[in-house]
Amino acid sequence: MGELIGYGRVSSRSQSLDIQIDALTNAGVSREHLYLEKASGRKREGRSALEELLSRGIRKGDTVVCTRLDRLARSTRDLLQITETLEQKGVDLKVLEQPIDTSSPAGRLFFTILGAFGEFEASIRAERQREGIDAALAKGSDSPFKGRPPSIDHRQVQALRDEGLTPTQIRKRLGIARSSVYRLMKTRSQ
């Protein structure tokens, strides 16, 4: 029988890993076999503890233990890649707060279904967020997505241009980039 290897993750530096550490050690994972990190779960990059666990931290017969599936992976694709790596290495996965234990056929089935539901939920959430942003943008000036206010007064640029100043002279007088002068002149001429 292999070792229990624990993985814990929180999304931000201000969050604590203590609850996950307690749950993992209470499940039998020794502190020497804990892989912990504070990193966003949305992307695989930057999750060095997970990469180390998958590349050097596990051997055939081991079981990776985490508290919840979303601590390990945030998308079905990522989850499937992780489980494929575990399968290739002969390593099982056990999730403490969800009835997932890939050492049994029923556990593997439940795991696959749960991953699909998680991806579906994330897609619905993203769609609702996009709808909310679109609705806010449609409101116009009351929208929180209107961008920052312009820092260059186009009337000043136009007045200086009308006086016959060149874009370079306007840039120097206003302390702005010459490309901004050209951009403002172009949008005003359309």
C-alpha atoms as a PDB file:
ATOM      1  CA  MET A   1       0.000   0.000   0.000  1.00  0.00           C
ATOM      2  CA  GLY A   2       1.248   3.479  -0.921  1.00  0.00           C
ATOM      3  CA  GLU A   3       1.281   6.771   0.928  1.00  0.00           C
ATOM      4  CA  LEU A   4      -1.499   9.305   1.418  1.00  0.00           C
ATOM      5  CA  ILE A   5      -0.401  12.524  -0.306  1.00  0.00           C
ATOM      6  CA  GLY A   6      -2.354  15.675   0.589  1.00  0.00           C
ATOM      7  CA  TYR A   7      -3.028  18.689  -1.578  1.00  0.00           C
ATOM      8  CA  GLY A   8      -4.509  21.946  -0.312  1.00  0.00           C
ATOM      9  CA  ARG A   9      -5.059  25.269  -2.041  1.00  0.00           C
ATOM     10  CA  VAL A  10      -6.677  28.608  -1.358  1.00  0.00           C
ATOM     11  CA  SER A  11      -7.219  31.249  -4.033  1.00  0.00           C
ATOM     12  CA  SER A  12      -5.756  34.314  -2.360  1.00  0.00           C
ATOM     13  CA  ARG A  13      -2.857  35.173  -0.092  1.00  0.00           C
ATOM     14  CA  SER A  14      -5.217  36.457   2.621  1.00  0.00           C
ATOM     15  CA  GLN A  15      -6.998  33.105   2.988  1.00  0.00           C
ATOM     16  CA  SER A  16      -5.810  30.452   5.419  1.00  0.00           C
ATOM     17  CA  LEU A  17      -4.966  26.844   4.648  1.00  0.00           C
ATOM     18  CA  ASP A  18      -5.426  25.777   8.288  1.00  0.00           C
ATOM     19  CA  ILE A  19      -8.856  24.141   7.832  1.00  0.00           C
ATOM     20  CA  GLN A  20      -7.636  22.085   4.871  1.00  0.00           C
ATOM     21  CA  ILE A  21      -4.425  21.115   6.691  1.00  0.00           C
ATOM     22  CA  ASP A  22      -6.444  19.919   9.698  1.00  0.00           C
ATOM     23  CA  ALA A  23      -8.823  17.907   7.489  1.00  0.00           C
ATOM     24  CA  LEU A  24      -5.978  16.307   5.547  1.00  0.00           C
ATOM     25  CA  THR A  25      -3.945  15.378   8.620  1.00  0.00           C
ATOM     26  CA  ASN A  26      -7.090  14.038  10.353  1.00  0.00           C
ATOM     27  CA  ALA A  27      -7.608  11.833   7.264  1.00  0.00           C
ATOM     28  CA  GLY A  28      -4.180  10.302   7.838  1.00  0.00           C
ATOM     29  CA  VAL A  29      -1.926  12.441   5.629  1.00  0.00           C
ATOM     30  CA  SER A  30       1.385  13.138   7.354  1.00  0.00           C
ATOM     31  CA  ARG A  31       2.644  16.739   7.341  1.00  0.00           C
ATOM     32  CA  GLU A  32       5.670  15.640   5.289  1.00  0.00           C
ATOM     33  CA  HIS A  33       3.309  14.607   2.489  1.00  0.00           C
ATOM     34  CA  LEU A  34       1.358  17.877   2.258  1.00  0.00           C
ATOM     35  CA  TYR A  35       1.535  20.005  -0.887  1.00  0.00           C
ATOM     36  CA  LEU A  36       0.052  23.424  -0.139  1.00  0.00           C
ATOM     37  CA  GLU A  37      -0.274  26.658  -2.084  1.00  0.00           C
ATOM     38  CA  LYS A  38      -2.029  29.979  -2.311  1.00  0.00           C
ATOM     39  CA  ALA A  39      -2.855  30.404  -5.983  1.00  0.00           C
ATOM     40  CA  SER A  40      -5.850  30.860  -8.240  1.00  0.00           C
ATOM     41  CA  GLY A  41      -7.304  27.578  -9.427  1.00  0.00           C
ATOM     42  CA  ARG A  42      -8.438  28.988 -12.764  1.00  0.00           C
ATOM     43  CA  LYS A  43      -5.083  28.478 -14.460  1.00  0.00           C
ATOM     44  CA  ARG A  44      -2.577  25.689 -14.166  1.00  0.00           C
ATOM     45  CA  GLU A  45       0.361  28.118 -14.447  1.00  0.00           C
ATOM     46  CA  GLY A  46       1.617  29.334 -11.112  1.00  0.00           C
ATOM     47  CA  ARG A  47       0.438  26.253  -9.219  1.00  0.00           C
ATOM     48  CA  SER A  48       3.915  24.976  -8.413  1.00  0.00           C
ATOM     49  CA  ALA A  49       2.855  22.728  -5.514  1.00  0.00           C
ATOM     50  CA  LEU A  50       0.399  20.872  -7.772  1.00  0.00           C
ATOM     51  CA  GLU A  51       3.022  20.523 -10.501  1.00  0.00           C
ATOM     52  CA  GLU A  52       5.568  19.198  -8.001  1.00  0.00           C
ATOM     53  CA  LEU A  53       3.025  16.750  -6.568  1.00  0.00           C
ATOM     54  CA  LEU A  54       2.143  15.430 -10.029  1.00  0.00           C
ATOM     55  CA  SER A  55       5.707  15.226 -11.298  1.00  0.00           C
ATOM     56  CA  ARG A  56       7.748  14.087  -8.273  1.00  0.00           C
ATOM     57  CA  GLY A  57       5.454  13.739  -5.268  1.00  0.00           C
ATOM     58  CA  ILE A  58       3.539  10.584  -6.139  1.00  0.00           C
ATOM     59  CA  ARG A  59       4.381   6.953  -6.840  1.00  0.00           C
ATOM     60  CA  LYS A  60       2.389   3.924  -7.920  1.00  0.00           C
ATOM     61  CA  GLY A  61      -0.010   2.849  -5.167  1.00  0.00           C
ATOM     62  CA  ASP A  62      -0.248   6.313  -3.542  1.00  0.00           C
ATOM     63  CA  THR A  63      -3.541   8.151  -2.999  1.00  0.00           C
ATOM     64  CA  VAL A  64      -3.849  11.904  -3.501  1.00  0.00           C
ATOM     65  CA  VAL A  65      -6.198  13.368  -0.896  1.00  0.00           C
ATOM     66  CA  CYS A  66      -7.867  16.794  -1.081  1.00  0.00           C
ATOM     67  CA  THR A  67     -10.774  18.352   0.800  1.00  0.00           C
ATOM     68  CA  ARG A  68     -12.901  19.323  -2.204  1.00  0.00           C
ATOM     69  CA  LEU A  69     -12.629  18.811  -5.930  1.00  0.00           C
ATOM     70  CA  ASP A  70     -12.511  22.564  -6.626  1.00  0.00           C
ATOM     71  CA  ARG A  71      -9.306  22.791  -4.593  1.00  0.00           C
ATOM     72  CA  LEU A  72      -7.638  20.446  -7.081  1.00  0.00           C
ATOM     73  CA  ALA A  73      -9.101  21.637 -10.416  1.00  0.00           C
ATOM     74  CA  ARG A  74     -11.462  24.337 -11.636  1.00  0.00           C
ATOM     75  CA  SER A  75     -12.415  22.986 -15.040  1.00  0.00           C
ATOM     76  CA  THR A  76     -13.322  19.631 -16.457  1.00  0.00           C
ATOM     77  CA  ARG A  77     -10.370  19.766 -18.861  1.00  0.00           C
ATOM     78  CA  ASP A  78      -7.909  20.421 -16.022  1.00  0.00           C
ATOM     79  CA  LEU A  79      -9.559  17.756 -13.895  1.00  0.00           C
ATOM     80  CA  LEU A  80      -9.367  15.201 -16.694  1.00  0.00           C
ATOM     81  CA  GLN A  81      -5.685  16.000 -17.290  1.00  0.00           C
ATOM     82  CA  ILE A  82      -4.907  15.601 -13.590  1.00  0.00           C
ATOM     83  CA  THR A  83      -6.802  12.317 -13.328  1.00  0.00           C
ATOM     84  CA  GLU A  84      -5.125  11.040 -16.492  1.00  0.00           C
ATOM     85  CA  THR A  85      -1.737  11.764 -14.901  1.00  0.00           C
ATOM     86  CA  LEU A  86      -2.827   9.999 -11.714  1.00  0.00           C
ATOM     87  CA  GLU A  87      -4.083   6.995 -13.673  1.00  0.00           C
ATOM     88  CA  GLN A  88      -0.867   6.738 -15.697  1.00  0.00           C
ATOM     89  CA  LYS A  89       1.137   6.726 -12.474  1.00  0.00           C
ATOM     90  CA  GLY A  90      -1.175   4.213 -10.777  1.00  0.00           C
ATOM     91  CA  VAL A  91      -2.338   6.738  -8.161  1.00  0.00           C
ATOM     92  CA  ASP A  92      -5.872   7.033  -6.736  1.00  0.00           C
ATOM     93  CA  LEU A  93      -7.752  10.185  -5.752  1.00  0.00           C
ATOM     94  CA  LYS A  94      -9.830  10.662  -2.621  1.00  0.00           C
ATOM     95  CA  VAL A  95     -11.908  13.788  -1.945  1.00  0.00           C
ATOM     96  CA  LEU A  96     -12.864  14.165   1.718  1.00  0.00           C
ATOM     97  CA  GLU A  97     -15.965  16.377   1.509  1.00  0.00           C
ATOM     98  CA  GLN A  98     -17.392  14.618  -1.547  1.00  0.00           C
ATOM     99  CA  PRO A  99     -17.913  10.859  -1.953  1.00  0.00           C
ATOM    100  CA  ILE A 100     -15.089  10.474  -4.444  1.00  0.00           C
ATOM    101  CA  ASP A 101     -12.612   7.652  -4.184  1.00  0.00           C
ATOM    102  CA  THR A 102     -11.254   6.502  -7.544  1.00  0.00           C
ATOM    103  CA  SER A 103     -10.092   3.206  -6.120  1.00  0.00           C
ATOM    104  CA  SER A 104     -13.626   1.896  -6.842  1.00  0.00           C
ATOM    105  CA  PRO A 105     -15.612   1.841 -10.119  1.00  0.00           C
ATOM    106  CA  ALA A 106     -18.520   3.715  -8.482  1.00  0.00           C
ATOM    107  CA  GLY A 107     -16.102   6.380  -7.241  1.00  0.00           C
ATOM    108  CA  ARG A 108     -14.658   6.846 -10.722  1.00  0.00           C
ATOM    109  CA  LEU A 109     -18.156   7.204 -12.235  1.00  0.00           C
ATOM    110  CA  PHE A 110     -19.292   9.697  -9.609  1.00  0.00           C
ATOM    111  CA  PHE A 111     -16.072  11.645 -10.072  1.00  0.00           C
ATOM    112  CA  THR A 112     -16.639  11.979 -13.836  1.00  0.00           C
ATOM    113  CA  ILE A 113     -20.269  13.061 -13.393  1.00  0.00           C
ATOM    114  CA  LEU A 114     -19.360  15.569 -10.686  1.00  0.00           C
ATOM    115  CA  GLY A 115     -16.671  17.081 -12.890  1.00  0.00           C
ATOM    116  CA  ALA A 116     -19.186  17.515 -15.733  1.00  0.00           C
ATOM    117  CA  PHE A 117     -21.651  19.262 -13.420  1.00  0.00           C
ATOM    118  CA  GLY A 118     -18.895  21.551 -12.137  1.00  0.00           C
ATOM    119  CA  GLU A 119     -17.993  22.603 -15.683  1.00  0.00           C
ATOM    120  CA  PHE A 120     -21.669  23.137 -16.527  1.00  0.00           C
ATOM    121  CA  GLU A 121     -22.110  25.332 -13.453  1.00  0.00           C
ATOM    122  CA  ALA A 122     -19.027  27.407 -14.323  1.00  0.00           C
ATOM    123  CA  SER A 123     -20.338  27.904 -17.878  1.00  0.00           C
ATOM    124  CA  ILE A 124     -23.730  29.054 -16.621  1.00  0.00           C
ATOM    125  CA  ARG A 125     -22.062  31.431 -14.152  1.00  0.00           C
ATOM    126  CA  ALA A 126     -19.905  32.936 -16.912  1.00  0.00           C
ATOM    127  CA  GLU A 127     -22.954  33.311 -19.163  1.00  0.00           C
ATOM    128  CA  ARG A 128     -24.924  35.102 -16.419  1.00  0.00           C
ATOM    129  CA  GLN A 129     -21.972  37.367 -15.720  1.00  0.00           C
ATOM    130  CA  ARG A 130     -21.716  38.269 -19.417  1.00  0.00           C
ATOM    131  CA  GLU A 131     -25.476  38.983 -19.524  1.00  0.00           C
ATOM    132  CA  GLY A 132     -25.122  41.243 -16.470  1.00  0.00           C
ATOM    133  CA  ILE A 133     -22.214  43.141 -18.021  1.00  0.00           C
ATOM    134  CA  ASP A 134     -24.116  43.531 -21.307  1.00  0.00           C
ATOM    135  CA  ALA A 135     -27.187  44.814 -19.431  1.00  0.00           C
ATOM    136  CA  ALA A 136     -25.040  47.284 -17.463  1.00  0.00           C
ATOM    137  CA  LEU A 137     -23.382  48.509 -20.660  1.00  0.00           C
ATOM    138  CA  ALA A 138     -26.796  48.991 -22.256  1.00  0.00           C
ATOM    139  CA  LYS A 139     -27.781  51.345 -19.404  1.00  0.00           C
ATOM    140  CA  GLY A 140     -25.175  53.823 -20.575  1.00  0.00           C
ATOM    141  CA  SER A 141     -23.735  56.381 -18.197  1.00  0.00           C
ATOM    142  CA  ASP A 142     -24.799  54.562 -15.014  1.00  0.00           C
ATOM    143  CA  SER A 143     -22.804  51.487 -16.031  1.00  0.00           C
ATOM    144  CA  PRO A 144     -19.809  50.501 -13.897  1.00  0.00           C
ATOM    145  CA  PHE A 145     -18.204  49.258 -17.149  1.00  0.00           C
ATOM    146  CA  LYS A 146     -17.933  52.595 -18.892  1.00  0.00           C
ATOM    147  CA  GLY A 147     -14.172  52.849 -18.483  1.00  0.00           C
ATOM    148  CA  ARG A 148     -12.126  55.599 -16.944  1.00  0.00           C
ATOM    149  CA  PRO A 149     -12.942  59.198 -17.803  1.00  0.00           C
ATOM    150  CA  PRO A 150     -10.854  60.740 -20.570  1.00  0.00           C
ATOM    151  CA  SER A 151      -7.686  62.371 -19.260  1.00  0.00           C
ATOM    152  CA  ILE A 152      -7.145  64.538 -22.346  1.00  0.00           C
ATOM    153  CA  ASP A 153      -9.526  67.332 -23.276  1.00  0.00           C
ATOM    154  CA  HIS A 154     -10.136  66.924 -27.008  1.00  0.00           C
ATOM    155  CA  ARG A 155     -11.272  70.569 -27.210  1.00  0.00           C
ATOM    156  CA  GLN A 156      -7.805  71.735 -26.119  1.00  0.00           C
ATOM    157  CA  VAL A 157      -6.167  69.579 -28.764  1.00  0.00           C
ATOM    158  CA  GLN A 158      -8.549  70.883 -31.433  1.00  0.00           C
ATOM    159  CA  ALA A 159      -8.057  74.528 -30.358  1.00  0.00           C
ATOM    160  CA  LEU A 160      -4.269  74.183 -30.565  1.00  0.00           C
ATOM    161  CA  ARG A 161      -4.578  72.462 -33.939  1.00  0.00           C
ATOM    162  CA  ASP A 162      -6.821  75.316 -35.152  1.00  0.00           C
ATOM    163  CA  GLU A 163      -4.059  77.748 -34.064  1.00  0.00           C
ATOM    164  CA  GLY A 164      -1.767  75.924 -36.489  1.00  0.00           C
ATOM    165  CA  LEU A 165       0.367  73.964 -34.021  1.00  0.00           C
ATOM    166  CA  THR A 166       1.821  70.664 -35.195  1.00  0.00           C
ATOM    167  CA  PRO A 167       1.053  67.400 -33.357  1.00  0.00           C
ATOM    168  CA  THR A 168       4.559  67.492 -31.850  1.00  0.00           C
ATOM    169  CA  GLN A 169       4.030  71.057 -30.582  1.00  0.00           C
ATOM    170  CA  ILE A 170       0.608  70.108 -29.172  1.00  0.00           C
ATOM    171  CA  ARG A 171       2.160  67.097 -27.461  1.00  0.00           C
ATOM    172  CA  LYS A 172       4.809  69.241 -25.792  1.00  0.00           C
ATOM    173  CA  ARG A 173       2.395  71.953 -24.724  1.00  0.00           C
ATOM    174  CA  LEU A 174      -0.134  69.511 -23.177  1.00  0.00           C
ATOM    175  CA  GLY A 175       2.407  66.951 -21.935  1.00  0.00           C
ATOM    176  CA  ILE A 176       0.749  64.040 -23.709  1.00  0.00           C
ATOM    177  CA  ALA A 177       1.873  61.413 -26.199  1.00  0.00           C
ATOM    178  CA  ARG A 178       1.989  62.401 -29.869  1.00  0.00           C
ATOM    179  CA  SER A 179       0.010  59.240 -30.680  1.00  0.00           C
ATOM    180  CA  SER A 180      -2.787  60.565 -28.441  1.00  0.00           C
ATOM    181  CA  VAL A 181      -2.846  63.806 -30.415  1.00  0.00           C
ATOM    182  CA  TYR A 182      -3.142  61.883 -33.688  1.00  0.00           C
ATOM    183  CA  ARG A 183      -5.817  59.591 -32.252  1.00  0.00           C
ATOM    184  CA  LEU A 184      -7.910  62.541 -31.059  1.00  0.00           C
ATOM    185  CA  MET A 185      -7.500  64.363 -34.373  1.00  0.00           C
ATOM    186  CA  LYS A 186      -8.538  61.223 -36.254  1.00  0.00           C
ATOM    187  CA  THR A 187     -11.661  60.559 -34.138  1.00  0.00           C
ATOM    188  CA  ARG A 188     -12.748  64.194 -34.408  1.00  0.00           C
ATOM    189  CA  SER A 189     -12.371  64.207 -38.201  1.00  0.00           C
ATOM    190  CA  GLN A 190     -14.667  61.200 -38.652  1.00  0.00           C
END
